[in-house]
């Protein structure tokens, strides 16, 4: 995450606004007029936090996948998944549909 933080801190305030609001530099004045300074800082903080959380989540998922692929883990085998109900008749299908949608 420090790579993102280093990159983000090298940006100017205007570049941070462009990244956070998904605008080009020619539209920054419209953003300045539409939001207060406190709103701009809040949006920057939320957008960067969301970005870092997304990357952290991807990293954690990758660690789990690699761990399972290489045979790691708790050593306990997970129970087999339940078989899905497969309706054999139209009445069973209607009953399943009514159970979900009422």
Protein backbone atom coordinates (compact mmCIF):
# COMPACT_ATOMS: atom_id res chain seq x y z
CA UNK A 1 0.00 0.00 0.00
CA UNK A 2 2.95 2.31 0.43
CA UNK A 3 3.42 2.38 -3.34
CA UNK A 4 -0.02 3.94 -3.73
CA UNK A 5 0.58 6.34 -0.86
CA UNK A 6 3.90 7.46 -2.35
CA UNK A 7 2.28 7.96 -5.76
CA UNK A 8 -0.73 9.76 -4.30
CA UNK A 9 1.34 12.14 -2.19
CA UNK A 10 3.40 13.19 -5.25
CA UNK A 11 0.25 14.47 -6.97
CA UNK A 12 -0.67 18.11 -6.73
CA UNK A 13 -3.98 19.05 -5.13
CA UNK A 14 -5.44 19.69 -8.59
CA UNK A 15 -4.30 16.26 -9.81
CA UNK A 16 -5.81 14.65 -6.73
CA UNK A 17 -9.11 16.39 -7.49
CA UNK A 18 -8.99 15.16 -11.08
CA UNK A 19 -8.36 11.58 -9.94
CA UNK A 20 -10.93 11.66 -7.16
CA UNK A 21 -13.77 13.21 -9.16
CA UNK A 22 -12.86 11.53 -12.48
CA UNK A 23 -12.56 14.83 -14.30
CA UNK A 24 -9.99 16.33 -16.65
CA UNK A 25 -8.00 19.43 -15.67
CA UNK A 26 -10.23 21.74 -17.69
CA UNK A 27 -13.19 20.73 -15.48
CA UNK A 28 -11.49 21.35 -12.14
CA UNK A 29 -12.90 24.87 -11.83
CA UNK A 30 -16.43 23.45 -12.04
CA UNK A 31 -15.59 21.08 -9.17
CA UNK A 32 -14.11 23.95 -7.13
CA UNK A 33 -17.31 25.97 -7.56
CA UNK A 34 -19.61 23.03 -6.85
CA UNK A 35 -18.03 21.84 -3.58
CA UNK A 36 -16.60 23.40 -0.45
CA UNK A 37 -12.98 22.81 0.56
CA UNK A 38 -14.11 20.48 3.35
CA UNK A 39 -16.16 18.47 0.84
CA UNK A 40 -13.16 18.21 -1.49
CA UNK A 41 -10.90 16.94 1.30
CA UNK A 42 -13.56 14.46 2.41
CA UNK A 43 -13.99 13.11 -1.12
CA UNK A 44 -10.22 12.74 -1.52
CA UNK A 45 -9.95 10.86 1.76
CA UNK A 46 -12.88 8.55 0.93
CA UNK A 47 -11.72 7.85 -2.65
CA UNK A 48 -8.16 7.02 -1.60
CA UNK A 49 -9.41 4.82 1.24
CA UNK A 50 -11.75 2.98 -1.12
CA UNK A 51 -8.89 2.45 -3.56
CA UNK A 52 -6.59 1.07 -0.86
CA UNK A 53 -9.29 -1.22 0.55
CA UNK A 54 -9.98 -2.64 -2.91
CA UNK A 55 -6.34 -3.46 -3.46
CA UNK A 56 -6.00 -4.92 0.02
CA UNK A 57 -9.02 -7.15 -0.60
CA UNK A 58 -7.55 -8.37 -3.90
CA UNK A 59 -4.26 -9.13 -2.15
CA UNK A 60 -6.00 -11.11 0.60
CA UNK A 61 -8.00 -13.10 -1.97
CA UNK A 62 -4.81 -13.85 -3.90
CA UNK A 63 -3.12 -15.08 -0.72
CA UNK A 64 -6.03 -17.44 -0.01
CA UNK A 65 -6.10 -18.79 -3.56
CA UNK A 66 -2.37 -19.39 -3.64
CA UNK A 67 -2.48 -20.97 -0.18
CA UNK A 68 -5.21 -23.39 -1.28
CA UNK A 69 -3.53 -24.10 -4.61
CA UNK A 70 -0.29 -25.05 -2.89
CA UNK A 71 -2.05 -27.28 -0.38
CA UNK A 72 -1.89 -25.01 2.62
CA UNK A 73 -4.73 -24.18 4.92
CA UNK A 74 -6.15 -25.57 8.11
CA UNK A 75 -5.95 -29.20 7.01
CA UNK A 76 -9.67 -29.70 7.52
CA UNK A 77 -11.58 -30.65 4.44
CA UNK A 78 -14.71 -28.65 3.85
CA UNK A 79 -18.00 -30.53 3.67
CA UNK A 80 -19.27 -31.25 0.17
CA UNK A 81 -21.80 -28.71 -1.08
CA UNK A 82 -25.48 -29.59 -0.89
CA UNK A 83 -27.08 -30.74 -4.09
CA UNK A 84 -29.35 -28.16 -5.58
CA UNK A 85 -33.02 -28.98 -5.90
CA UNK A 86 -33.81 -29.84 -9.48
CA UNK A 87 -37.54 -29.79 -10.20
CA UNK A 88 -38.71 -32.80 -12.21
CA UNK A 89 -42.22 -31.63 -13.03
CA UNK A 90 -43.95 -28.39 -13.89
CA UNK A 91 -45.73 -28.41 -10.52
CA UNK A 92 -42.41 -28.66 -8.67
CA UNK A 93 -41.06 -25.80 -10.77
CA UNK A 94 -44.13 -23.67 -10.02
CA UNK A 95 -43.80 -24.44 -6.31
CA UNK A 96 -40.12 -23.46 -6.32
CA UNK A 97 -40.94 -20.24 -8.18
CA UNK A 98 -43.75 -19.40 -5.73
CA UNK A 99 -41.45 -20.09 -2.78
CA UNK A 100 -39.06 -17.44 -4.01
CA UNK A 101 -41.38 -14.85 -5.55
CA UNK A 102 -44.55 -15.53 -3.60
